[in-house]
């Protein structure tokens, strides 16, 4: 079963959890950008190498006991190729 997308190529994902995470978690979530959204929710956005890496990331979230609200693959090819984590100041 396939819809024509190669899901084992790098892609940008947005993951939303029901927890307030601050920038101290940046190292733990590798190169993901952490954005607190209010209402005790946080968005994690970043480049994932392949499906195995995505499952590993979701396992980290599970191990922390964070309720998962959203996992979304960003379909914009240009964004995937040019995505870079903003530098912290």
C-alpha atoms as a PDB file:
ATOM      1  CA  UNK A   1       0.000   0.000   0.000  1.00  0.00           C
ATOM      2  CA  UNK A   2       1.529   3.298  -1.068  1.00  0.00           C
ATOM      3  CA  UNK A   3       0.358   6.769  -2.008  1.00  0.00           C
ATOM      4  CA  UNK A   4       3.443   7.642  -4.057  1.00  0.00           C
ATOM      5  CA  UNK A   5       5.447   9.339  -1.283  1.00  0.00           C
ATOM      6  CA  UNK A   6       8.780   7.950  -0.188  1.00  0.00           C
ATOM      7  CA  UNK A   7       8.392   7.981   3.587  1.00  0.00           C
ATOM      8  CA  UNK A   8      11.954   6.809   4.212  1.00  0.00           C
ATOM      9  CA  UNK A   9      13.495  10.079   3.049  1.00  0.00           C
ATOM     10  CA  UNK A  10      14.232  13.006   5.384  1.00  0.00           C
ATOM     11  CA  UNK A  11      11.171  15.133   6.121  1.00  0.00           C
ATOM     12  CA  UNK A  12      10.187  17.931   8.457  1.00  0.00           C
ATOM     13  CA  UNK A  13       7.715  16.896  11.151  1.00  0.00           C
ATOM     14  CA  UNK A  14       5.639  18.904  13.572  1.00  0.00           C
ATOM     15  CA  UNK A  15       4.848  17.111  16.816  1.00  0.00           C
ATOM     16  CA  UNK A  16       2.599  18.594  19.475  1.00  0.00           C
ATOM     17  CA  UNK A  17       2.531  17.406  23.085  1.00  0.00           C
ATOM     18  CA  UNK A  18       0.352  18.273  26.075  1.00  0.00           C
ATOM     19  CA  UNK A  19       3.124  19.710  28.232  1.00  0.00           C
ATOM     20  CA  UNK A  20       5.017  22.949  28.614  1.00  0.00           C
ATOM     21  CA  UNK A  21       8.611  22.429  27.529  1.00  0.00           C
ATOM     22  CA  UNK A  22      11.184  25.204  27.611  1.00  0.00           C
ATOM     23  CA  UNK A  23      14.413  25.603  25.667  1.00  0.00           C
ATOM     24  CA  UNK A  24      16.299  23.473  28.211  1.00  0.00           C
ATOM     25  CA  UNK A  25      14.854  20.465  26.377  1.00  0.00           C
ATOM     26  CA  UNK A  26      16.531  21.424  23.057  1.00  0.00           C
ATOM     27  CA  UNK A  27      19.493  19.069  23.495  1.00  0.00           C
ATOM     28  CA  UNK A  28      17.227  16.197  24.477  1.00  0.00           C
ATOM     29  CA  UNK A  29      15.164  16.639  21.319  1.00  0.00           C
ATOM     30  CA  UNK A  30      18.227  16.938  19.069  1.00  0.00           C
ATOM     31  CA  UNK A  31      17.786  19.607  16.419  1.00  0.00           C
ATOM     32  CA  UNK A  32      14.082  20.246  16.946  1.00  0.00           C
ATOM     33  CA  UNK A  33      12.732  23.744  17.470  1.00  0.00           C
ATOM     34  CA  UNK A  34      10.680  23.920  20.671  1.00  0.00           C
ATOM     35  CA  UNK A  35       7.762  26.356  20.671  1.00  0.00           C
ATOM     36  CA  UNK A  36       5.521  26.711  23.764  1.00  0.00           C
ATOM     37  CA  UNK A  37       1.962  27.299  22.524  1.00  0.00           C
ATOM     38  CA  UNK A  38       0.135  28.106  25.753  1.00  0.00           C
ATOM     39  CA  UNK A  39      -2.616  25.947  27.262  1.00  0.00           C
ATOM     40  CA  UNK A  40       0.150  23.587  28.444  1.00  0.00           C
ATOM     41  CA  UNK A  41       1.007  22.576  24.868  1.00  0.00           C
ATOM     42  CA  UNK A  42       4.340  22.594  23.048  1.00  0.00           C
ATOM     43  CA  UNK A  43       5.189  22.197  19.378  1.00  0.00           C
ATOM     44  CA  UNK A  44       8.373  20.390  18.329  1.00  0.00           C
ATOM     45  CA  UNK A  45       9.400  20.969  14.704  1.00  0.00           C
ATOM     46  CA  UNK A  46      12.402  19.513  12.953  1.00  0.00           C
ATOM     47  CA  UNK A  47      13.973  17.339  10.322  1.00  0.00           C
ATOM     48  CA  UNK A  48      13.621  13.571  10.779  1.00  0.00           C
ATOM     49  CA  UNK A  49      15.962  11.315   8.787  1.00  0.00           C
ATOM     50  CA  UNK A  50      13.530   8.447   8.169  1.00  0.00           C
ATOM     51  CA  UNK A  51      10.722   6.391   9.703  1.00  0.00           C
ATOM     52  CA  UNK A  52      13.079   4.634  12.134  1.00  0.00           C
ATOM     53  CA  UNK A  53      14.222   8.013  13.473  1.00  0.00           C
ATOM     54  CA  UNK A  54      10.594   9.141  13.784  1.00  0.00           C
ATOM     55  CA  UNK A  55       9.737   6.052  15.822  1.00  0.00           C
ATOM     56  CA  UNK A  56      12.778   6.697  18.026  1.00  0.00           C
ATOM     57  CA  UNK A  57      11.646  10.267  18.653  1.00  0.00           C
ATOM     58  CA  UNK A  58       8.113   9.134  19.449  1.00  0.00           C
ATOM     59  CA  UNK A  59       9.609   6.579  21.856  1.00  0.00           C
ATOM     60  CA  UNK A  60      11.429   9.383  23.704  1.00  0.00           C
ATOM     61  CA  UNK A  61       8.164  11.284  24.008  1.00  0.00           C
ATOM     62  CA  UNK A  62       6.414   8.148  25.272  1.00  0.00           C
ATOM     63  CA  UNK A  63       9.194   7.451  27.794  1.00  0.00           C
ATOM     64  CA  UNK A  64       8.775  10.973  29.196  1.00  0.00           C
ATOM     65  CA  UNK A  65       5.063  10.308  29.662  1.00  0.00           C
ATOM     66  CA  UNK A  66       4.103  13.285  27.474  1.00  0.00           C
ATOM     67  CA  UNK A  67       0.605  13.035  25.995  1.00  0.00           C
ATOM     68  CA  UNK A  68       0.902  13.133  22.207  1.00  0.00           C
ATOM     69  CA  UNK A  69      -1.549  15.484  20.483  1.00  0.00           C
ATOM     70  CA  UNK A  70      -0.303  15.681  16.889  1.00  0.00           C
ATOM     71  CA  UNK A  71       2.235  14.172  14.515  1.00  0.00           C
ATOM     72  CA  UNK A  72       2.261  15.922  11.148  1.00  0.00           C
ATOM     73  CA  UNK A  73       4.616  15.472   8.221  1.00  0.00           C
ATOM     74  CA  UNK A  74       5.217  18.826   6.559  1.00  0.00           C
ATOM     75  CA  UNK A  75       4.731  18.207   2.855  1.00  0.00           C
ATOM     76  CA  UNK A  76       6.516  21.285   1.493  1.00  0.00           C
ATOM     77  CA  UNK A  77       9.559  19.838  -0.300  1.00  0.00           C
ATOM     78  CA  UNK A  78      11.422  23.166  -0.285  1.00  0.00           C
ATOM     79  CA  UNK A  79      11.030  23.522   3.462  1.00  0.00           C
ATOM     80  CA  UNK A  80      12.322  19.984   4.031  1.00  0.00           C
ATOM     81  CA  UNK A  81      15.470  20.597   2.012  1.00  0.00           C
ATOM     82  CA  UNK A  82      16.238  24.001   3.497  1.00  0.00           C
ATOM     83  CA  UNK A  83      15.106  23.445   7.095  1.00  0.00           C
ATOM     84  CA  UNK A  84      17.662  24.582   9.607  1.00  0.00           C
ATOM     85  CA  UNK A  85      17.208  25.011  13.318  1.00  0.00           C
ATOM     86  CA  UNK A  86      17.312  28.702  14.280  1.00  0.00           C
ATOM     87  CA  UNK A  87      20.440  29.576  16.235  1.00  0.00           C
ATOM     88  CA  UNK A  88      19.924  30.289  19.935  1.00  0.00           C
ATOM     89  CA  UNK A  89      21.214  33.571  21.201  1.00  0.00           C
END
